[in-house]
Amino acid sequence: MIRPEAFCPCAGNFAVLEWGFQRQSTEDMPLKTTQRILQRSVADKLGLIAAGVAFYAFLAAFPAIAALVALAGLFTDPDAVVRQLENVTELIPQQAAQLLVGEAAKVASAPDQSLTLTVLFGLIVAVYLSTRAAASLIHGLNVALGLKENRGFLRYWLVVIGLTVALLFGTVVMLVLMVGLPTVLAFVPL
């Protein structure tokens, strides 16, 4: 943990961090800082933790997209949602985009009763996996900052669920803007 005097301008040219790094001049800072970060990230296995966060986040994407396509299919034309999704998939690799659009087309062509079950199941799985991603993110930040988890069980899970809700809300807003904004702008004379 960084002591407050490390950032205090009155501390002079000598900053001491709790994990033992000392800096007397700015010339040696970039190289020594880079070495220290690499040593800590290898020792703390930050790459493995980052891979876990990415794994859960990527794994949560597919049921979330299935749930969103099924939800949109209940209220609008499912084929229109798939066409809009094709525009969004230009940002990801071609094989992943083909897989995503193919699965979305399968979900969109399902009957209405099946879409309701798809929405429920997709949301449950997506929320669970997103919660695991948020928990991994919190763990990774604790390791990176050298902190021990000192929250109680209830408070920890409230923070994880709050972070999950915030991340899901941001993702839904982003997807609505990416899919819905071009549709709205098509009707606006510019």
N, C-alpha and C. Protein backbone atom coordinates (compact mmCIF):
# COMPACT_ATOMS: atom_id res chain seq x y z
N MET A 1 0.84 -1.17 0.00
CA MET A 1 0.00 0.00 0.00
C MET A 1 0.89 1.23 0.00
N ILE A 2 0.49 2.26 -0.73
CA ILE A 2 1.28 3.48 -0.85
C ILE A 2 0.99 4.37 0.35
N ARG A 3 2.05 4.83 0.97
CA ARG A 3 1.87 5.75 2.08
C ARG A 3 1.52 7.13 1.54
N PRO A 4 0.68 7.89 2.23
CA PRO A 4 0.25 9.20 1.72
C PRO A 4 1.40 10.16 1.46
N GLU A 5 2.45 10.08 2.27
CA GLU A 5 3.56 11.02 2.08
C GLU A 5 4.32 10.78 0.79
N ALA A 6 4.09 9.63 0.13
CA ALA A 6 4.75 9.37 -1.14
C ALA A 6 4.26 10.34 -2.21
N PHE A 7 3.06 10.87 -2.06
CA PHE A 7 2.52 11.79 -3.04
C PHE A 7 2.53 13.24 -2.55
N CYS A 8 2.99 13.44 -1.34
CA CYS A 8 3.00 14.77 -0.76
C CYS A 8 4.13 15.60 -1.37
N PRO A 9 3.83 16.80 -1.92
CA PRO A 9 4.89 17.62 -2.50
C PRO A 9 5.91 18.07 -1.47
N CYS A 10 5.53 18.07 -0.18
CA CYS A 10 6.47 18.51 0.84
C CYS A 10 7.45 17.40 1.22
N ALA A 11 7.30 16.20 0.63
CA ALA A 11 8.17 15.09 0.98
C ALA A 11 9.54 15.23 0.33
N GLY A 12 9.74 16.24 -0.48
CA GLY A 12 11.02 16.45 -1.12
C GLY A 12 11.22 15.52 -2.30
N ASN A 13 12.46 15.17 -2.57
CA ASN A 13 12.76 14.33 -3.73
C ASN A 13 12.92 12.87 -3.34
N PHE A 14 12.35 12.47 -2.24
CA PHE A 14 12.57 11.13 -1.73
C PHE A 14 11.25 10.48 -1.40
N ALA A 15 10.76 9.64 -2.27
CA ALA A 15 9.48 8.96 -2.05
C ALA A 15 9.76 7.50 -1.73
N VAL A 16 9.16 7.01 -0.67
CA VAL A 16 9.33 5.62 -0.26
C VAL A 16 7.97 4.94 -0.32
N LEU A 17 7.91 3.85 -1.03
CA LEU A 17 6.68 3.08 -1.11
C LEU A 17 6.81 1.88 -0.19
N GLU A 18 5.70 1.40 0.32
CA GLU A 18 5.72 0.35 1.32
C GLU A 18 6.39 -0.94 0.81
N TRP A 19 6.33 -1.20 -0.51
CA TRP A 19 6.93 -2.44 -1.00
C TRP A 19 8.42 -2.31 -1.29
N GLY A 20 9.02 -1.18 -0.86
CA GLY A 20 10.47 -1.11 -0.85
C GLY A 20 11.11 -0.34 -1.98
N PHE A 21 10.37 0.27 -2.87
CA PHE A 21 10.97 1.00 -3.97
C PHE A 21 11.28 2.42 -3.53
N GLN A 22 12.50 2.84 -3.75
CA GLN A 22 12.89 4.21 -3.41
C GLN A 22 13.29 4.94 -4.68
N ARG A 23 12.96 6.21 -4.72
CA ARG A 23 13.30 7.00 -5.88
C ARG A 23 13.94 8.30 -5.39
N GLN A 24 15.16 8.56 -5.84
CA GLN A 24 15.82 9.80 -5.48
C GLN A 24 15.88 10.75 -6.66
N SER A 25 15.80 10.23 -7.85
CA SER A 25 15.81 11.09 -9.03
C SER A 25 14.87 10.52 -10.07
N THR A 26 14.51 11.33 -11.03
CA THR A 26 13.56 10.88 -12.05
C THR A 26 14.25 10.16 -13.20
N GLU A 27 15.58 10.23 -13.29
CA GLU A 27 16.28 9.60 -14.41
C GLU A 27 16.20 8.08 -14.34
N ASP A 28 16.31 7.51 -13.15
CA ASP A 28 16.30 6.06 -13.03
C ASP A 28 14.90 5.48 -12.84
N MET A 29 13.91 6.33 -12.77
CA MET A 29 12.56 5.87 -12.46
C MET A 29 11.94 4.97 -13.54
N PRO A 30 11.94 5.31 -14.83
CA PRO A 30 11.25 4.44 -15.80
C PRO A 30 11.80 3.02 -15.84
N LEU A 31 13.10 2.85 -15.86
CA LEU A 31 13.68 1.51 -15.94
C LEU A 31 13.43 0.72 -14.66
N LYS A 32 13.70 1.33 -13.52
CA LYS A 32 13.49 0.62 -12.27
C LYS A 32 12.02 0.34 -12.01
N THR A 33 11.16 1.27 -12.39
CA THR A 33 9.73 1.05 -12.22
C THR A 33 9.27 -0.10 -13.08
N THR A 34 9.72 -0.15 -14.32
CA THR A 34 9.35 -1.23 -15.23
C THR A 34 9.86 -2.57 -14.69
N GLN A 35 11.09 -2.61 -14.20
CA GLN A 35 11.62 -3.84 -13.63
C GLN A 35 10.80 -4.28 -12.43
N ARG A 36 10.45 -3.35 -11.58
CA ARG A 36 9.69 -3.67 -10.37
C ARG A 36 8.29 -4.19 -10.72
N ILE A 37 7.64 -3.55 -11.69
CA ILE A 37 6.32 -4.00 -12.12
C ILE A 37 6.39 -5.40 -12.69
N LEU A 38 7.39 -5.67 -13.52
CA LEU A 38 7.53 -7.01 -14.10
C LEU A 38 7.79 -8.06 -13.02
N GLN A 39 8.64 -7.74 -12.06
CA GLN A 39 8.92 -8.68 -10.98
C GLN A 39 7.66 -8.97 -10.16
N ARG A 40 6.92 -7.93 -9.82
CA ARG A 40 5.70 -8.13 -9.03
C ARG A 40 4.62 -8.86 -9.81
N SER A 41 4.48 -8.55 -11.11
CA SER A 41 3.42 -9.20 -11.89
C SER A 41 3.72 -10.67 -12.09
N VAL A 42 4.99 -11.04 -12.23
CA VAL A 42 5.34 -12.46 -12.34
C VAL A 42 5.14 -13.15 -11.00
N ALA A 43 5.58 -12.51 -9.92
CA ALA A 43 5.45 -13.12 -8.60
C ALA A 43 3.99 -13.27 -8.18
N ASP A 44 3.15 -12.30 -8.54
CA ASP A 44 1.74 -12.34 -8.16
C ASP A 44 0.86 -13.08 -9.15
N LYS A 45 1.47 -13.55 -10.25
CA LYS A 45 0.72 -14.27 -11.30
C LYS A 45 -0.43 -13.44 -11.85
N LEU A 46 -0.15 -12.17 -12.13
CA LEU A 46 -1.19 -11.27 -12.63
C LEU A 46 -1.66 -11.66 -14.03
N GLY A 47 -0.80 -12.26 -14.82
CA GLY A 47 -1.22 -12.72 -16.14
C GLY A 47 -2.29 -13.80 -16.05
N LEU A 48 -2.12 -14.70 -15.10
CA LEU A 48 -3.11 -15.76 -14.90
C LEU A 48 -4.44 -15.19 -14.40
N ILE A 49 -4.37 -14.22 -13.52
CA ILE A 49 -5.60 -13.59 -13.02
C ILE A 49 -6.29 -12.82 -14.14
N ALA A 50 -5.52 -12.11 -14.96
CA ALA A 50 -6.11 -11.38 -16.09
C ALA A 50 -6.75 -12.34 -17.08
N ALA A 51 -6.13 -13.49 -17.30
CA ALA A 51 -6.72 -14.50 -18.19
C ALA A 51 -8.04 -15.02 -17.63
N GLY A 52 -8.13 -15.18 -16.32
CA GLY A 52 -9.37 -15.62 -15.70
C GLY A 52 -10.48 -14.59 -15.87
N VAL A 53 -10.15 -13.32 -15.71
CA VAL A 53 -11.15 -12.26 -15.90
C VAL A 53 -11.62 -12.27 -17.35
N ALA A 54 -10.69 -12.35 -18.29
CA ALA A 54 -11.05 -12.36 -19.71
C ALA A 54 -11.87 -13.60 -20.06
N PHE A 55 -11.51 -14.75 -19.48
CA PHE A 55 -12.24 -15.98 -19.75
C PHE A 55 -13.70 -15.86 -19.33
N TYR A 56 -13.94 -15.42 -18.10
CA TYR A 56 -15.32 -15.29 -17.62
C TYR A 56 -16.08 -14.23 -18.41
N ALA A 57 -15.43 -13.12 -18.73
CA ALA A 57 -16.11 -12.06 -19.49
C ALA A 57 -16.48 -12.55 -20.89
N PHE A 58 -15.55 -13.26 -21.55
CA PHE A 58 -15.83 -13.77 -22.89
C PHE A 58 -16.90 -14.85 -22.85
N LEU A 59 -16.82 -15.70 -21.84
CA LEU A 59 -17.80 -16.78 -21.71
C LEU A 59 -19.19 -16.22 -21.42
N ALA A 60 -19.27 -15.11 -20.72
CA ALA A 60 -20.57 -14.50 -20.42
C ALA A 60 -21.16 -13.80 -21.63
N ALA A 61 -20.35 -13.48 -22.62
CA ALA A 61 -20.85 -12.74 -23.77
C ALA A 61 -21.86 -13.53 -24.58
N PHE A 62 -21.62 -14.82 -24.77
CA PHE A 62 -22.50 -15.60 -25.64
C PHE A 62 -23.91 -15.78 -25.06
N PRO A 63 -24.08 -16.19 -23.80
CA PRO A 63 -25.45 -16.26 -23.30
C PRO A 63 -26.11 -14.89 -23.20
N ALA A 64 -25.33 -13.85 -22.96
CA ALA A 64 -25.91 -12.51 -22.90
C ALA A 64 -26.43 -12.09 -24.26
N ILE A 65 -25.66 -12.35 -25.30
CA ILE A 65 -26.12 -12.00 -26.64
C ILE A 65 -27.31 -12.84 -27.04
N ALA A 66 -27.31 -14.12 -26.68
CA ALA A 66 -28.48 -14.97 -26.97
C ALA A 66 -29.71 -14.43 -26.26
N ALA A 67 -29.56 -14.01 -25.01
CA ALA A 67 -30.69 -13.47 -24.27
C ALA A 67 -31.18 -12.16 -24.88
N LEU A 68 -30.25 -11.30 -25.30
CA LEU A 68 -30.65 -10.02 -25.90
C LEU A 68 -31.34 -10.24 -27.24
N VAL A 69 -30.84 -11.17 -28.05
CA VAL A 69 -31.47 -11.46 -29.34
C VAL A 69 -32.86 -12.05 -29.11
N ALA A 70 -32.97 -12.96 -28.15
CA ALA A 70 -34.28 -13.56 -27.86
C ALA A 70 -35.24 -12.52 -27.31
N LEU A 71 -34.76 -11.64 -26.46
CA LEU A 71 -35.60 -10.58 -25.91
C LEU A 71 -36.07 -9.64 -27.02
N ALA A 72 -35.15 -9.26 -27.88
CA ALA A 72 -35.53 -8.40 -29.01
C ALA A 72 -36.48 -9.14 -29.95
N GLY A 73 -36.29 -10.46 -30.09
CA GLY A 73 -37.16 -11.25 -30.95
C GLY A 73 -38.58 -11.33 -30.44
N LEU A 74 -38.77 -11.13 -29.14
CA LEU A 74 -40.13 -11.13 -28.59
C LEU A 74 -40.89 -9.86 -28.95
N PHE A 75 -40.16 -8.77 -29.17
CA PHE A 75 -40.81 -7.48 -29.41
C PHE A 75 -40.67 -6.95 -30.82
N THR A 76 -39.63 -7.37 -31.52
CA THR A 76 -39.38 -6.86 -32.88
C THR A 76 -39.14 -8.03 -33.82
N ASP A 77 -38.78 -7.70 -35.03
CA ASP A 77 -38.44 -8.72 -36.02
C ASP A 77 -37.06 -9.28 -35.69
N PRO A 78 -36.95 -10.58 -35.39
CA PRO A 78 -35.66 -11.15 -35.02
C PRO A 78 -34.60 -11.04 -36.11
N ASP A 79 -35.04 -11.11 -37.38
CA ASP A 79 -34.07 -11.00 -38.47
C ASP A 79 -33.42 -9.62 -38.52
N ALA A 80 -34.18 -8.59 -38.14
CA ALA A 80 -33.61 -7.23 -38.10
C ALA A 80 -32.52 -7.15 -37.03
N VAL A 81 -32.72 -7.84 -35.91
CA VAL A 81 -31.71 -7.85 -34.85
C VAL A 81 -30.45 -8.54 -35.35
N VAL A 82 -30.61 -9.64 -36.08
CA VAL A 82 -29.45 -10.37 -36.60
C VAL A 82 -28.71 -9.50 -37.61
N ARG A 83 -29.44 -8.77 -38.45
CA ARG A 83 -28.78 -7.88 -39.43
C ARG A 83 -27.99 -6.78 -38.72
N GLN A 84 -28.57 -6.23 -37.65
CA GLN A 84 -27.86 -5.21 -36.89
C GLN A 84 -26.62 -5.80 -36.20
N LEU A 85 -26.75 -7.04 -35.73
CA LEU A 85 -25.63 -7.70 -35.08
C LEU A 85 -24.49 -7.94 -36.07
N GLU A 86 -24.83 -8.18 -37.33
CA GLU A 86 -23.79 -8.36 -38.35
C GLU A 86 -22.95 -7.10 -38.49
N ASN A 87 -23.57 -5.92 -38.35
CA ASN A 87 -22.82 -4.67 -38.42
C ASN A 87 -21.88 -4.53 -37.23
N VAL A 88 -22.32 -4.98 -36.06
CA VAL A 88 -21.50 -4.87 -34.86
C VAL A 88 -20.31 -5.81 -34.91
N THR A 89 -20.48 -6.98 -35.54
CA THR A 89 -19.42 -7.99 -35.54
C THR A 89 -18.25 -7.64 -36.44
N GLU A 90 -18.29 -6.50 -37.10
CA GLU A 90 -17.13 -6.07 -37.89
C GLU A 90 -15.93 -5.78 -37.00
N LEU A 91 -16.17 -5.62 -35.71
CA LEU A 91 -15.11 -5.26 -34.77
C LEU A 91 -14.36 -6.47 -34.22
N ILE A 92 -14.85 -7.68 -34.49
CA ILE A 92 -14.21 -8.88 -33.94
C ILE A 92 -13.71 -9.75 -35.09
N PRO A 93 -12.88 -10.74 -34.81
CA PRO A 93 -12.36 -11.61 -35.88
C PRO A 93 -13.49 -12.30 -36.65
N GLN A 94 -13.22 -12.59 -37.92
CA GLN A 94 -14.24 -13.11 -38.82
C GLN A 94 -14.85 -14.43 -38.34
N GLN A 95 -14.03 -15.37 -37.88
CA GLN A 95 -14.56 -16.66 -37.43
C GLN A 95 -15.44 -16.51 -36.20
N ALA A 96 -15.05 -15.66 -35.28
CA ALA A 96 -15.88 -15.42 -34.10
C ALA A 96 -17.18 -14.73 -34.51
N ALA A 97 -17.11 -13.82 -35.47
CA ALA A 97 -18.31 -13.14 -35.94
C ALA A 97 -19.27 -14.13 -36.60
N GLN A 98 -18.74 -15.06 -37.40
CA GLN A 98 -19.59 -16.06 -38.05
C GLN A 98 -20.28 -16.93 -37.00
N LEU A 99 -19.56 -17.33 -35.99
CA LEU A 99 -20.13 -18.14 -34.92
C LEU A 99 -21.24 -17.37 -34.20
N LEU A 100 -20.95 -16.12 -33.88
CA LEU A 100 -21.90 -15.29 -33.16
C LEU A 100 -23.17 -15.04 -33.97
N VAL A 101 -23.03 -14.68 -35.24
CA VAL A 101 -24.18 -14.41 -36.09
C VAL A 101 -24.97 -15.69 -36.34
N GLY A 102 -24.27 -16.81 -36.52
CA GLY A 102 -24.96 -18.09 -36.71
C GLY A 102 -25.81 -18.48 -35.52
N GLU A 103 -25.26 -18.33 -34.33
CA GLU A 103 -26.03 -18.64 -33.11
C GLU A 103 -27.19 -17.66 -32.93
N ALA A 104 -26.95 -16.39 -33.24
CA ALA A 104 -28.02 -15.40 -33.13
C ALA A 104 -29.15 -15.72 -34.11
N ALA A 105 -28.80 -16.18 -35.31
CA ALA A 105 -29.82 -16.55 -36.30
C ALA A 105 -30.63 -17.75 -35.82
N LYS A 106 -29.96 -18.73 -35.18
CA LYS A 106 -30.69 -19.88 -34.64
C LYS A 106 -31.67 -19.45 -33.55
N VAL A 107 -31.21 -18.56 -32.67
CA VAL A 107 -32.08 -18.07 -31.60
C VAL A 107 -33.24 -17.27 -32.19
N ALA A 108 -32.95 -16.44 -33.19
CA ALA A 108 -33.98 -15.59 -33.78
C ALA A 108 -35.04 -16.40 -34.51
N SER A 109 -34.69 -17.56 -35.04
CA SER A 109 -35.66 -18.36 -35.80
C SER A 109 -36.49 -19.29 -34.91
N ALA A 110 -36.25 -19.28 -33.62
CA ALA A 110 -36.98 -20.15 -32.70
C ALA A 110 -38.40 -19.62 -32.47
N PRO A 111 -39.34 -20.50 -32.10
CA PRO A 111 -40.70 -20.03 -31.79
C PRO A 111 -40.72 -19.18 -30.52
N ASP A 112 -41.82 -18.43 -30.33
CA ASP A 112 -41.92 -17.48 -29.21
C ASP A 112 -41.77 -18.14 -27.84
N GLN A 113 -42.34 -19.33 -27.64
CA GLN A 113 -42.23 -20.00 -26.34
C GLN A 113 -40.77 -20.34 -26.05
N SER A 114 -40.05 -20.74 -27.08
CA SER A 114 -38.64 -21.05 -26.91
C SER A 114 -37.83 -19.79 -26.63
N LEU A 115 -38.24 -18.67 -27.23
CA LEU A 115 -37.52 -17.41 -26.99
C LEU A 115 -37.63 -16.98 -25.53
N THR A 116 -38.78 -17.20 -24.92
CA THR A 116 -38.95 -16.84 -23.51
C THR A 116 -38.01 -17.64 -22.62
N LEU A 117 -37.91 -18.94 -22.88
CA LEU A 117 -36.98 -19.78 -22.12
C LEU A 117 -35.54 -19.38 -22.40
N THR A 118 -35.24 -19.03 -23.64
CA THR A 118 -33.89 -18.60 -24.00
C THR A 118 -33.51 -17.33 -23.26
N VAL A 119 -34.46 -16.40 -23.17
CA VAL A 119 -34.19 -15.16 -22.44
C VAL A 119 -33.87 -15.47 -20.98
N LEU A 120 -34.70 -16.27 -20.34
CA LEU A 120 -34.49 -16.59 -18.92
C LEU A 120 -33.18 -17.33 -18.69
N PHE A 121 -32.96 -18.39 -19.46
CA PHE A 121 -31.74 -19.18 -19.28
C PHE A 121 -30.51 -18.35 -19.63
N GLY A 122 -30.57 -17.60 -20.72
CA GLY A 122 -29.43 -16.77 -21.13
C GLY A 122 -29.08 -15.72 -20.09
N LEU A 123 -30.11 -15.09 -19.53
CA LEU A 123 -29.85 -14.07 -18.50
C LEU A 123 -29.26 -14.68 -17.24
N ILE A 124 -29.78 -15.83 -16.83
CA ILE A 124 -29.25 -16.47 -15.62
C ILE A 124 -27.78 -16.83 -15.80
N VAL A 125 -27.46 -17.47 -16.92
CA VAL A 125 -26.07 -17.88 -17.17
C VAL A 125 -25.18 -16.65 -17.33
N ALA A 126 -25.64 -15.65 -18.07
CA ALA A 126 -24.83 -14.44 -18.28
C ALA A 126 -24.57 -13.71 -16.97
N VAL A 127 -25.57 -13.60 -16.12
CA VAL A 127 -25.38 -12.91 -14.84
C VAL A 127 -24.42 -13.71 -13.95
N TYR A 128 -24.56 -15.04 -13.93
CA TYR A 128 -23.65 -15.85 -13.12
C TYR A 128 -22.20 -15.68 -13.59
N LEU A 129 -21.99 -15.80 -14.91
CA LEU A 129 -20.62 -15.68 -15.43
C LEU A 129 -20.08 -14.27 -15.28
N SER A 130 -20.94 -13.28 -15.42
CA SER A 130 -20.51 -11.90 -15.21
C SER A 130 -20.13 -11.66 -13.75
N THR A 131 -20.86 -12.28 -12.85
CA THR A 131 -20.53 -12.19 -11.43
C THR A 131 -19.17 -12.81 -11.15
N ARG A 132 -18.89 -13.94 -11.78
CA ARG A 132 -17.58 -14.57 -11.62
C ARG A 132 -16.48 -13.67 -12.19
N ALA A 133 -16.75 -13.02 -13.32
CA ALA A 133 -15.77 -12.10 -13.91
C ALA A 133 -15.51 -10.92 -12.98
N ALA A 134 -16.57 -10.38 -12.38
CA ALA A 134 -16.40 -9.25 -11.45
C ALA A 134 -15.62 -9.68 -10.21
N ALA A 135 -15.90 -10.89 -9.69
CA ALA A 135 -15.16 -11.39 -8.53
C ALA A 135 -13.68 -11.57 -8.88
N SER A 136 -13.41 -12.08 -10.08
CA SER A 136 -12.02 -12.24 -10.53
C SER A 136 -11.34 -10.89 -10.69
N LEU A 137 -12.08 -9.91 -11.18
CA LEU A 137 -11.53 -8.57 -11.33
C LEU A 137 -11.16 -7.97 -9.98
N ILE A 138 -12.03 -8.13 -9.00
CA ILE A 138 -11.75 -7.62 -7.65
C ILE A 138 -10.53 -8.34 -7.07
N HIS A 139 -10.47 -9.66 -7.26
CA HIS A 139 -9.31 -10.42 -6.76
C HIS A 139 -8.03 -9.94 -7.44
N GLY A 140 -8.08 -9.73 -8.74
CA GLY A 140 -6.91 -9.25 -9.47
C GLY A 140 -6.45 -7.88 -8.99
N LEU A 141 -7.39 -6.99 -8.74
CA LEU A 141 -7.03 -5.67 -8.24
C LEU A 141 -6.44 -5.75 -6.84
N ASN A 142 -7.00 -6.63 -6.00
CA ASN A 142 -6.43 -6.81 -4.66
C ASN A 142 -5.00 -7.32 -4.74
N VAL A 143 -4.74 -8.28 -5.62
CA VAL A 143 -3.38 -8.80 -5.77
C VAL A 143 -2.45 -7.73 -6.32
N ALA A 144 -2.90 -7.01 -7.33
CA ALA A 144 -2.06 -5.98 -7.95
C ALA A 144 -1.71 -4.87 -6.97
N LEU A 145 -2.65 -4.53 -6.10
CA LEU A 145 -2.40 -3.47 -5.13
C LEU A 145 -1.80 -3.98 -3.82
N GLY A 146 -1.64 -5.27 -3.71
CA GLY A 146 -1.06 -5.85 -2.51
C GLY A 146 -1.99 -5.79 -1.31
N LEU A 147 -3.28 -5.85 -1.54
CA LEU A 147 -4.25 -5.77 -0.46
C LEU A 147 -4.81 -7.14 -0.13
N LYS A 148 -5.24 -7.31 1.10
CA LYS A 148 -5.94 -8.52 1.50
C LYS A 148 -7.42 -8.18 1.56
N GLU A 149 -8.26 -9.13 1.18
CA GLU A 149 -9.70 -8.90 1.22
C GLU A 149 -10.15 -8.84 2.67
N ASN A 150 -10.63 -7.68 3.11
CA ASN A 150 -11.03 -7.54 4.50
C ASN A 150 -12.53 -7.24 4.64
N ARG A 151 -13.25 -7.32 3.53
CA ARG A 151 -14.71 -7.15 3.62
C ARG A 151 -15.32 -8.42 4.18
N GLY A 152 -16.44 -8.26 4.83
CA GLY A 152 -17.19 -9.42 5.29
C GLY A 152 -17.85 -10.10 4.09
N PHE A 153 -18.38 -11.30 4.33
CA PHE A 153 -18.99 -12.09 3.27
C PHE A 153 -20.10 -11.32 2.56
N LEU A 154 -21.01 -10.75 3.32
CA LEU A 154 -22.16 -10.05 2.74
C LEU A 154 -21.71 -8.81 1.99
N ARG A 155 -20.83 -8.03 2.58
CA ARG A 155 -20.36 -6.81 1.92
C ARG A 155 -19.58 -7.13 0.65
N TYR A 156 -18.77 -8.16 0.67
CA TYR A 156 -18.01 -8.57 -0.52
C TYR A 156 -18.95 -8.90 -1.67
N TRP A 157 -19.97 -9.72 -1.38
CA TRP A 157 -20.87 -10.12 -2.45
C TRP A 157 -21.76 -8.97 -2.90
N LEU A 158 -22.08 -8.04 -2.03
CA LEU A 158 -22.80 -6.84 -2.46
C LEU A 158 -21.96 -6.01 -3.41
N VAL A 159 -20.67 -5.89 -3.13
CA VAL A 159 -19.77 -5.16 -4.03
C VAL A 159 -19.66 -5.89 -5.37
N VAL A 160 -19.51 -7.21 -5.34
CA VAL A 160 -19.42 -7.99 -6.58
C VAL A 160 -20.69 -7.85 -7.40
N ILE A 161 -21.83 -7.97 -6.76
CA ILE A 161 -23.11 -7.85 -7.48
C ILE A 161 -23.30 -6.43 -8.00
N GLY A 162 -22.92 -5.44 -7.22
CA GLY A 162 -23.01 -4.05 -7.68
C GLY A 162 -22.13 -3.80 -8.89
N LEU A 163 -20.91 -4.32 -8.85
CA LEU A 163 -20.01 -4.19 -9.99
C LEU A 163 -20.56 -4.92 -11.20
N THR A 164 -21.13 -6.10 -10.98
CA THR A 164 -21.72 -6.86 -12.08
C THR A 164 -22.87 -6.09 -12.71
N VAL A 165 -23.75 -5.53 -11.90
CA VAL A 165 -24.88 -4.77 -12.42
C VAL A 165 -24.38 -3.56 -13.21
N ALA A 166 -23.38 -2.87 -12.69
CA ALA A 166 -22.84 -1.71 -13.40
C ALA A 166 -22.23 -2.12 -14.74
N LEU A 167 -21.47 -3.21 -14.76
CA LEU A 167 -20.87 -3.69 -16.01
C LEU A 167 -21.93 -4.14 -17.01
N LEU A 168 -22.93 -4.86 -16.54
CA LEU A 168 -24.00 -5.31 -17.43
C LEU A 168 -24.80 -4.12 -17.97
N PHE A 169 -25.08 -3.15 -17.11
CA PHE A 169 -25.80 -1.96 -17.56
C PHE A 169 -25.00 -1.21 -18.63
N GLY A 170 -23.72 -1.05 -18.39
CA GLY A 170 -22.86 -0.39 -19.39
C GLY A 170 -22.81 -1.15 -20.70
N THR A 171 -22.76 -2.47 -20.62
CA THR A 171 -22.74 -3.28 -21.84
C THR A 171 -24.05 -3.17 -22.60
N VAL A 172 -25.17 -3.22 -21.89
CA VAL A 172 -26.47 -3.10 -22.54
C VAL A 172 -26.62 -1.72 -23.18
N VAL A 173 -26.22 -0.67 -22.49
CA VAL A 173 -26.30 0.67 -23.06
C VAL A 173 -25.43 0.76 -24.32
N MET A 174 -24.22 0.20 -24.26
CA MET A 174 -23.33 0.23 -25.41
C MET A 174 -23.95 -0.52 -26.60
N LEU A 175 -24.50 -1.71 -26.34
CA LEU A 175 -25.10 -2.49 -27.42
C LEU A 175 -26.34 -1.80 -27.99
N VAL A 176 -27.15 -1.21 -27.13
CA VAL A 176 -28.33 -0.48 -27.61
C VAL A 176 -27.90 0.69 -28.49
N LEU A 177 -26.88 1.40 -28.08
CA LEU A 177 -26.39 2.51 -28.90
C LEU A 177 -25.80 2.01 -30.22
N MET A 178 -25.06 0.92 -30.18
CA MET A 178 -24.44 0.41 -31.40
C MET A 178 -25.47 -0.16 -32.37
N VAL A 179 -26.51 -0.79 -31.84
CA VAL A 179 -27.52 -1.39 -32.70
C VAL A 179 -28.65 -0.41 -33.00
N GLY A 180 -29.10 0.33 -32.00
CA GLY A 180 -30.25 1.19 -32.17
C GLY A 180 -29.96 2.53 -32.80
N LEU A 181 -28.81 3.10 -32.55
CA LEU A 181 -28.50 4.42 -33.08
C LEU A 181 -28.48 4.45 -34.60
N PRO A 182 -27.86 3.48 -35.28
CA PRO A 182 -27.93 3.51 -36.75
C PRO A 182 -29.37 3.42 -37.28
N THR A 183 -30.22 2.67 -36.59
CA THR A 183 -31.61 2.56 -37.01
C THR A 183 -32.32 3.89 -36.86
N VAL A 184 -32.12 4.56 -35.74
CA VAL A 184 -32.75 5.86 -35.51
C VAL A 184 -32.22 6.90 -36.48
N LEU A 185 -30.92 6.89 -36.71
CA LEU A 185 -30.32 7.87 -37.62
C LEU A 185 -30.76 7.65 -39.07
N ALA A 186 -31.17 6.44 -39.42
CA ALA A 186 -31.65 6.16 -40.78
C ALA A 186 -32.94 6.92 -41.06
N PHE A 187 -33.72 7.22 -40.01
CA PHE A 187 -35.00 7.91 -40.19
C PHE A 187 -34.86 9.43 -40.02
N VAL A 188 -33.73 9.90 -39.55
CA VAL A 188 -33.52 11.31 -39.33
C VAL A 188 -32.90 11.92 -40.59
N PRO A 189 -33.54 12.90 -41.18
CA PRO A 189 -32.94 13.53 -42.39
C PRO A 189 -31.75 14.40 -41.99
N LEU A 190 -30.63 14.08 -42.55
CA LEU A 190 -29.41 14.86 -42.25
C LEU A 190 -28.90 15.55 -43.48
